[in-house]
Amino acid sequence: MNITLLRESLLKPLQLAASVSDKRGLRPILSHVLLDVAAQQLSIIGTDLELEMVGTIPLTSQAEEIGRVTLPARKLVEICRSLPDLSSITLVTDKDRITLQCAKSRFVLATLPAEDFPAVGEIKPSVEFTLSQRVLRLLIESSHFAMAQQDVRYYLNGLFLQVSKDKLIAVATDGHRMSVSETSLATETSPMSIIIPRKAVIEILRLLVNEDIPVTLLADDNHLCIKTADFSFTTKLVEGRFPDYQRIIPVGGHKIVVAVRDALKQAITRAAILSNEKFRGVRLLLTPGLLRVCANNMEQEEAEEEITVQYEGETFEVVFNASYLLDILSVLNEGEVKIVLRDENSGALISGNMELIQTQFVVMPLQI
């Protein structure tokens, strides 16, 4: 391998690939990235066996030598970061070493056999569709906070993604709350139901930009691949059956509250300061036209906030985890929030303004 390229063109795809490389040192090869030169393109690949990231760089010189080599990810990133802006970098392999030359700087790095570098697996997609990165990012942002963390019900430790005709639906739940977000696809595609692991969801959010740039999703029974012009990201999927989320959405609620999102968020934020540190419970007391948000703790301290709301039902009281409510209010746009309640033991159905997607949330009450 003998290639020359600008520092800036190398650094971004290198950082993408290095972000998923294994940092625990379980297998030395997993702490490396693979550089693969073929067909006038440099591919930089990183993996931890669960995730795989491929960043690509077009090569303009016709004299580039094809080849594959692995390099320690962290060291290569730190070297490239330290070099001057707009500098030119040359990489030349020599047996089990590679020399990185930049002006008067020279680094010699040890390599590992490229043939030992693992691949996550080849995808034979049964589903493929394209949408904008902005929409996919919004869909995931409005749902992912409700994923479980290290739950024994492993299928809850991820994001459920479902294609139904021309709809893409994202669902997450930890058993205490649930988010359901939906957007339309340009064309109908084959039905699909998969569970993306939590680690991959966080990585996807980091990769997607809030712009109308296309992103393609490909999936089979075991993998999901997300492709853009700059990278290809592949993750293994969580095996298991996700709960029937439609049965969890409460129906028959007749107590309807409409509040200004910012006023409600501020009231809950302030009241929660004096809530029980373990349960984080806030009490919502409804009377016609008025909502009181109350909290207290073991030290007998109390907080009470009042806001004007649209509510015409009977006096009603229910307790929710403040953090769950604030998570929801944080992803909704400014404007009005609608809360539908049935009784003090049933989940609340919450909806509000969202750009480009439709979303609703379910929060179960606390029993105190």
Protein backbone atom coordinates (compact mmCIF):
# COMPACT_ATOMS: atom_id res chain seq x y z
CA MET A 1 0.00 0.00 0.00
CA ASN A 2 1.27 3.45 -0.93
CA ILE A 3 -1.26 6.29 -0.71
CA THR A 4 -1.19 10.05 -0.21
CA LEU A 5 -4.15 12.13 0.98
CA LEU A 6 -5.05 15.25 2.91
CA ARG A 7 -5.28 15.11 6.72
CA GLU A 8 -8.89 16.41 6.68
CA SER A 9 -10.10 13.74 4.22
CA LEU A 10 -8.53 10.99 6.36
CA LEU A 11 -9.48 12.22 9.83
CA LYS A 12 -13.31 12.15 9.69
CA PRO A 13 -13.77 8.57 8.32
CA LEU A 14 -10.94 7.43 10.60
CA GLN A 15 -12.73 8.84 13.65
CA LEU A 16 -15.99 7.17 12.57
CA ALA A 17 -14.33 3.76 12.25
CA ALA A 18 -12.35 4.16 15.48
CA SER A 19 -15.51 5.07 17.43
CA VAL A 20 -16.78 1.48 17.27
CA SER A 21 -13.45 -0.29 17.67
CA ASP A 22 -13.16 -2.34 20.86
CA LYS A 23 -11.39 -0.40 23.63
CA ARG A 24 -11.46 -3.16 26.25
CA GLY A 25 -8.53 -5.05 24.76
CA LEU A 26 -10.34 -8.39 24.66
CA ARG A 27 -8.80 -9.11 21.26
CA PRO A 28 -5.91 -6.98 19.98
CA ILE A 29 -7.22 -7.01 16.40
CA LEU A 30 -10.46 -5.34 17.52
CA SER A 31 -8.56 -2.30 18.76
CA HIS A 32 -7.31 -1.80 15.19
CA VAL A 33 -8.94 -0.33 12.10
CA LEU A 34 -8.62 -1.93 8.69
CA LEU A 35 -7.44 0.21 5.79
CA ASP A 36 -8.50 -1.31 2.47
CA VAL A 37 -7.45 0.25 -0.84
CA ALA A 38 -9.33 -1.00 -3.90
CA ALA A 39 -11.04 0.47 -6.97
CA GLN A 40 -9.59 3.96 -6.37
CA GLN A 41 -11.16 4.10 -2.93
CA LEU A 42 -9.86 3.85 0.62
CA SER A 43 -12.21 2.13 3.07
CA ILE A 44 -11.52 2.46 6.80
CA ILE A 45 -13.30 -0.20 8.86
CA GLY A 46 -13.74 -0.56 12.60
CA THR A 47 -15.67 -3.21 14.53
CA ASP A 48 -16.30 -4.68 17.97
CA LEU A 49 -18.06 -7.76 16.49
CA GLU A 50 -21.48 -6.28 17.29
CA LEU A 51 -21.12 -3.03 15.32
CA GLU A 52 -19.19 -2.28 12.15
CA MET A 53 -18.40 1.14 10.72
CA VAL A 54 -17.01 1.76 7.25
CA GLY A 55 -15.83 5.22 6.23
CA THR A 56 -14.79 5.79 2.61
CA ILE A 57 -12.42 8.19 0.87
CA PRO A 58 -12.14 8.50 -2.93
CA LEU A 59 -8.57 8.35 -4.23
CA THR A 60 -7.71 10.48 -7.24
CA SER A 61 -4.25 9.23 -8.13
CA GLN A 62 -4.11 6.45 -10.68
CA ALA A 63 -0.88 5.14 -9.17
CA GLU A 64 -2.32 4.04 -5.84
CA GLU A 65 -1.32 0.53 -4.83
CA ILE A 66 -4.12 -1.74 -3.70
CA GLY A 67 -3.78 -3.53 -0.39
CA ARG A 68 -5.14 -4.10 3.11
CA VAL A 69 -3.53 -3.31 6.44
CA THR A 70 -4.62 -2.93 10.07
CA LEU A 71 -3.43 -0.14 12.35
CA PRO A 72 -4.04 0.69 16.04
CA ALA A 73 -7.11 2.92 15.97
CA ARG A 74 -6.41 5.17 18.95
CA LYS A 75 -2.78 5.88 18.00
CA LEU A 76 -3.65 6.62 14.37
CA VAL A 77 -6.41 9.04 15.37
CA GLU A 78 -4.14 10.87 17.83
CA ILE A 79 -1.38 11.17 15.24
CA CYS A 80 -3.73 12.57 12.60
CA ARG A 81 -5.27 15.03 15.06
CA SER A 82 -1.84 16.34 16.03
CA LEU A 83 -0.73 17.05 12.45
CA PRO A 84 -1.17 20.54 10.92
CA ASP A 85 -4.37 21.47 9.10
CA LEU A 86 -4.39 20.86 5.34
CA SER A 87 -1.21 18.82 5.57
CA SER A 88 -0.52 15.91 3.21
CA ILE A 89 -0.13 12.41 4.67
CA THR A 90 1.59 9.48 2.95
CA LEU A 91 1.09 5.89 4.13
CA VAL A 92 3.54 3.21 2.94
CA THR A 93 3.54 -0.42 4.09
CA ASP A 94 6.66 -2.51 4.59
CA LYS A 95 6.01 -6.08 5.75
CA ASP A 96 4.50 -5.81 9.26
CA ARG A 97 5.08 -2.08 9.61
CA ILE A 98 3.53 1.02 8.08
CA THR A 99 5.23 4.40 7.79
CA LEU A 100 3.19 7.59 8.07
CA GLN A 101 5.01 10.60 6.62
CA CYS A 102 3.84 14.22 6.90
CA ALA A 103 6.32 16.97 6.01
CA LYS A 104 9.13 16.52 8.57
CA SER A 105 7.09 14.21 10.79
CA ARG A 106 7.53 10.44 10.50
CA PHE A 107 5.78 7.64 12.41
CA VAL A 108 6.31 3.89 12.12
CA LEU A 109 3.42 1.78 13.41
CA ALA A 110 3.11 -1.97 13.95
CA THR A 111 0.36 -3.80 12.08
CA LEU A 112 -1.55 -7.02 12.59
CA PRO A 113 -2.47 -9.47 9.79
CA ALA A 114 -5.33 -8.01 7.74
CA GLU A 115 -6.73 -11.50 7.15
CA ASP A 116 -7.41 -11.77 10.90
CA PHE A 117 -9.66 -8.70 10.90
CA PRO A 118 -13.25 -9.90 11.51
CA ALA A 119 -16.38 -8.87 9.63
CA VAL A 120 -19.81 -8.48 11.26
CA GLY A 121 -21.42 -10.42 8.43
CA GLU A 122 -22.76 -9.94 4.96
CA ILE A 123 -26.28 -8.56 4.67
CA LYS A 124 -28.74 -10.07 2.24
CA PRO A 125 -31.43 -7.41 2.64
CA SER A 126 -35.07 -8.38 2.58
CA VAL A 127 -36.03 -4.73 3.16
CA GLU A 128 -34.50 -1.57 1.71
CA PHE A 129 -35.80 2.00 1.77
CA THR A 130 -34.54 5.59 1.84
CA LEU A 131 -35.59 8.65 3.85
CA SER A 132 -33.96 11.86 5.03
CA GLN A 133 -31.48 11.86 7.88
CA ARG A 134 -33.46 14.64 9.56
CA VAL A 135 -36.63 12.51 9.73
CA LEU A 136 -34.84 9.36 10.92
CA ARG A 137 -32.99 11.35 13.57
CA LEU A 138 -36.24 12.91 14.83
CA LEU A 139 -37.89 9.51 14.89
CA ILE A 140 -35.13 8.02 17.04
CA GLU A 141 -34.67 11.10 19.25
CA SER A 142 -38.34 11.12 20.18
CA SER A 143 -38.27 7.44 21.18
CA HIS A 144 -34.88 6.25 22.39
CA PHE A 145 -35.02 7.77 25.90
CA ALA A 146 -37.68 5.21 26.88
CA MET A 147 -35.42 2.20 26.17
CA ALA A 148 -34.61 -0.03 29.12
CA GLN A 149 -31.09 -0.30 30.50
CA GLN A 150 -29.73 -3.74 31.43
CA ASP A 151 -33.21 -5.17 31.83
CA VAL A 152 -33.40 -8.97 32.14
CA ARG A 153 -36.02 -8.72 29.39
CA TYR A 154 -33.23 -8.19 26.89
CA TYR A 155 -35.63 -7.33 24.07
CA LEU A 156 -36.51 -4.10 25.91
CA ASN A 157 -32.86 -2.94 25.85
CA GLY A 158 -33.23 -1.54 22.38
CA LEU A 159 -35.42 0.27 19.87
CA PHE A 160 -38.21 -1.55 18.02
CA LEU A 161 -38.37 -0.50 14.38
CA GLN A 162 -41.33 -1.55 12.26
CA VAL A 163 -42.20 -0.98 8.61
CA SER A 164 -45.90 -1.31 7.90
CA LYS A 165 -46.78 -0.54 4.26
CA ASP A 166 -45.67 3.08 3.81
CA LYS A 167 -45.14 3.79 7.54
CA LEU A 168 -41.97 3.62 9.61
CA ILE A 169 -42.64 3.25 13.35
CA ALA A 170 -40.16 3.45 16.23
CA VAL A 171 -41.13 2.17 19.69
CA ALA A 172 -39.24 2.01 22.99
CA THR A 173 -40.35 0.98 26.47
CA ASP A 174 -38.83 0.04 29.81
CA GLY A 175 -42.10 -1.23 31.27
CA HIS A 176 -42.87 2.06 33.05
CA ARG A 177 -43.20 4.31 30.02
CA MET A 178 -43.41 3.98 26.27
CA SER A 179 -42.79 6.18 23.24
CA VAL A 180 -44.29 5.54 19.81
CA SER A 181 -43.17 7.66 16.84
CA GLU A 182 -44.28 7.33 13.23
CA THR A 183 -43.43 8.82 9.86
CA SER A 184 -44.50 8.20 6.27
CA LEU A 185 -42.28 6.62 3.63
CA ALA A 186 -42.25 7.78 0.04
CA THR A 187 -43.20 4.31 -1.25
CA GLU A 188 -44.56 1.10 0.18
CA THR A 189 -41.98 -1.53 1.09
CA SER A 190 -41.91 -5.05 2.51
CA PRO A 191 -43.01 -5.36 6.14
CA MET A 192 -40.23 -5.47 8.72
CA SER A 193 -39.97 -5.75 12.50
CA ILE A 194 -36.53 -5.57 14.15
CA ILE A 195 -34.98 -4.59 17.50
CA ILE A 196 -31.88 -2.39 17.33
CA PRO A 197 -29.58 -2.76 20.37
CA ARG A 198 -29.18 0.23 22.65
CA LYS A 199 -25.49 0.68 21.85
CA ALA A 200 -26.25 0.87 18.13
CA VAL A 201 -29.11 3.34 18.66
CA ILE A 202 -26.79 5.77 20.47
CA GLU A 203 -24.20 5.41 17.70
CA ILE A 204 -26.79 6.01 14.96
CA LEU A 205 -27.95 9.21 16.67
CA ARG A 206 -24.35 10.41 16.75
CA LEU A 207 -23.94 9.72 13.03
CA LEU A 208 -27.12 11.26 11.63
CA VAL A 209 -27.22 14.96 10.83
CA ASN A 210 -30.24 17.24 11.16
CA GLU A 211 -30.40 17.87 7.41
CA ASP A 212 -32.46 16.62 4.48
CA ILE A 213 -29.68 14.34 3.24
CA PRO A 214 -30.77 10.83 2.19
CA VAL A 215 -29.96 7.74 4.24
CA THR A 216 -30.68 4.18 3.15
CA LEU A 217 -31.71 1.39 5.53
CA LEU A 218 -31.17 -2.26 4.64
CA ALA A 219 -32.17 -5.13 6.91
CA ASP A 220 -32.29 -8.90 7.05
CA ASP A 221 -33.11 -11.26 9.91
CA ASN A 222 -29.85 -10.62 11.74
CA HIS A 223 -28.48 -7.22 10.72
CA LEU A 224 -29.39 -3.62 10.01
CA CYS A 225 -27.21 -1.49 7.75
CA ILE A 226 -27.45 2.29 7.43
CA LYS A 227 -25.72 3.85 4.43
CA THR A 228 -24.97 7.42 3.39
CA ALA A 229 -22.51 8.85 0.89
CA ASP A 230 -19.89 9.07 3.67
CA PHE A 231 -20.25 5.90 5.71
CA SER A 232 -21.84 2.50 6.11
CA PHE A 233 -22.88 1.39 9.61
CA THR A 234 -23.92 -2.20 10.36
CA THR A 235 -25.26 -3.63 13.62
CA LYS A 236 -26.39 -7.03 14.75
CA LEU A 237 -30.01 -7.13 15.89
CA VAL A 238 -31.51 -8.19 19.20
CA GLU A 239 -33.22 -11.54 19.04
CA GLY A 240 -36.58 -11.79 20.73
CA ARG A 241 -40.18 -10.71 20.42
CA PHE A 242 -41.06 -7.14 21.28
CA PRO A 243 -44.31 -6.60 23.22
CA ASP A 244 -47.47 -5.72 21.28
CA TYR A 245 -47.15 -1.99 21.83
CA GLN A 246 -50.63 -1.24 20.45
CA ARG A 247 -52.19 -3.13 23.35
CA ILE A 248 -50.26 -0.97 25.82
CA ILE A 249 -51.66 2.31 24.49
CA PRO A 250 -54.49 3.23 26.89
CA VAL A 251 -57.97 3.72 25.50
CA GLY A 252 -61.17 5.06 27.03
CA GLY A 253 -59.58 8.02 28.79
CA HIS A 254 -62.17 10.74 29.41
CA LYS A 255 -60.13 13.21 31.48
CA ILE A 256 -58.47 15.51 28.93
CA VAL A 257 -55.93 18.13 29.94
CA VAL A 258 -54.37 20.64 27.54
CA ALA A 259 -51.44 22.65 28.88
CA VAL A 260 -48.74 24.94 27.50
CA ARG A 261 -45.66 22.79 27.15
CA ASP A 262 -43.14 25.31 28.55
CA ALA A 263 -45.30 26.21 31.57
CA LEU A 264 -45.88 22.56 32.44
CA LYS A 265 -42.20 21.68 32.05
CA GLN A 266 -41.10 24.55 34.27
CA ALA A 267 -43.67 23.70 36.95
CA ILE A 268 -42.62 20.04 37.09
CA THR A 269 -38.91 20.95 37.06
CA ARG A 270 -39.28 23.26 40.04
CA ALA A 271 -41.57 20.97 42.05
CA ALA A 272 -39.30 17.97 41.48
CA ILE A 273 -36.48 19.71 43.37
CA LEU A 274 -38.20 18.73 46.64
CA SER A 275 -39.44 15.32 45.49
CA ASN A 276 -38.31 12.03 47.01
CA GLU A 277 -34.83 11.38 45.57
CA LYS A 278 -35.57 7.69 45.02
CA PHE A 279 -39.04 7.78 43.46
CA ARG A 280 -38.99 11.33 42.01
CA GLY A 281 -42.77 11.46 42.35
CA VAL A 282 -44.81 14.57 41.62
CA ARG A 283 -48.52 14.76 42.39
CA LEU A 284 -50.82 16.27 39.77
CA LEU A 285 -54.06 17.68 41.23
CA LEU A 286 -56.60 18.70 38.63
CA THR A 287 -59.58 20.98 39.10
CA PRO A 288 -61.49 22.75 36.31
CA GLY A 289 -59.09 25.14 34.59
CA LEU A 290 -56.22 24.55 37.03
CA LEU A 291 -53.36 22.10 37.56
CA ARG A 292 -51.37 21.98 40.77
CA VAL A 293 -48.03 20.16 40.74
CA CYS A 294 -46.97 19.10 44.24
CA ALA A 295 -44.00 17.24 45.69
CA ASN A 296 -42.62 16.37 49.12
CA ASN A 297 -39.79 14.33 50.59
CA MET A 298 -38.67 12.45 53.70
CA GLU A 299 -37.54 15.70 55.34
CA GLN A 300 -41.16 16.95 55.25
CA GLU A 301 -40.22 19.60 52.70
CA GLU A 302 -42.89 20.57 50.18
CA ALA A 303 -43.22 22.29 46.81
CA GLU A 304 -46.34 23.41 44.97
CA GLU A 305 -46.75 24.97 41.53
CA GLU A 306 -49.97 26.15 39.85
CA ILE A 307 -50.60 26.60 36.13
CA THR A 308 -53.72 27.34 34.11
CA VAL A 309 -54.87 24.47 31.87
CA GLN A 310 -57.81 23.51 29.74
CA TYR A 311 -59.68 20.94 31.84
CA GLU A 312 -63.40 20.63 32.52
CA GLY A 313 -63.62 17.34 34.39
CA GLU A 314 -64.01 16.44 38.03
CA THR A 315 -61.33 16.95 40.67
CA PHE A 316 -58.66 14.33 40.08
CA GLU A 317 -55.28 13.36 41.53
CA VAL A 318 -52.49 11.16 40.16
CA VAL A 319 -48.74 10.69 40.81
CA PHE A 320 -46.05 10.33 38.15
CA ASN A 321 -42.27 10.07 38.05
CA ALA A 322 -41.10 13.62 37.30
CA SER A 323 -38.13 12.45 35.23
CA TYR A 324 -40.41 10.47 32.90
CA LEU A 325 -42.64 13.49 32.31
CA LEU A 326 -39.68 15.81 31.74
CA ASP A 327 -38.11 13.41 29.23
CA ILE A 328 -41.29 13.59 27.17
CA LEU A 329 -41.71 17.35 27.43
CA SER A 330 -38.07 17.82 26.39
CA VAL A 331 -38.56 16.18 23.00
CA LEU A 332 -41.83 17.93 22.19
CA ASN A 333 -41.81 21.24 20.36
CA GLU A 334 -43.19 24.40 21.89
CA GLY A 335 -46.96 24.73 21.97
CA GLU A 336 -49.70 22.76 23.65
CA VAL A 337 -49.43 19.33 25.24
CA LYS A 338 -52.43 17.03 25.49
CA ILE A 339 -52.72 14.55 28.37
CA VAL A 340 -55.50 11.96 28.40
CA LEU A 341 -56.23 10.20 31.70
CA ARG A 342 -58.71 7.53 32.77
CA ASP A 343 -58.08 6.92 36.47
CA GLU A 344 -55.24 7.07 39.01
CA ASN A 345 -54.14 3.49 38.23
CA SER A 346 -54.04 3.73 34.41
CA GLY A 347 -51.35 5.08 32.14
CA ALA A 348 -51.50 8.61 30.80
CA LEU A 349 -51.49 9.14 27.03
CA ILE A 350 -49.46 12.24 26.13
CA SER A 351 -49.09 13.91 22.75
CA GLY A 352 -47.87 17.25 21.47
CA ASN A 353 -46.30 19.10 18.58
CA MET A 354 -43.53 17.40 16.62
CA GLU A 355 -42.05 18.41 13.30
CA LEU A 356 -42.23 15.88 10.41
CA ILE A 357 -43.35 12.95 12.61
CA GLN A 358 -46.34 11.88 14.72
CA THR A 359 -45.64 10.72 18.23
CA GLN A 360 -47.39 9.70 21.44
CA PHE A 361 -46.19 8.65 24.85
CA VAL A 362 -47.53 6.46 27.64
CA VAL A 363 -46.49 6.92 31.28
CA MET A 364 -47.63 4.65 34.09
CA PRO A 365 -48.52 6.30 37.45
CA LEU A 366 -46.63 5.69 40.66
CA GLN A 367 -48.36 3.81 43.44
CA ILE A 368 -47.40 5.66 46.62
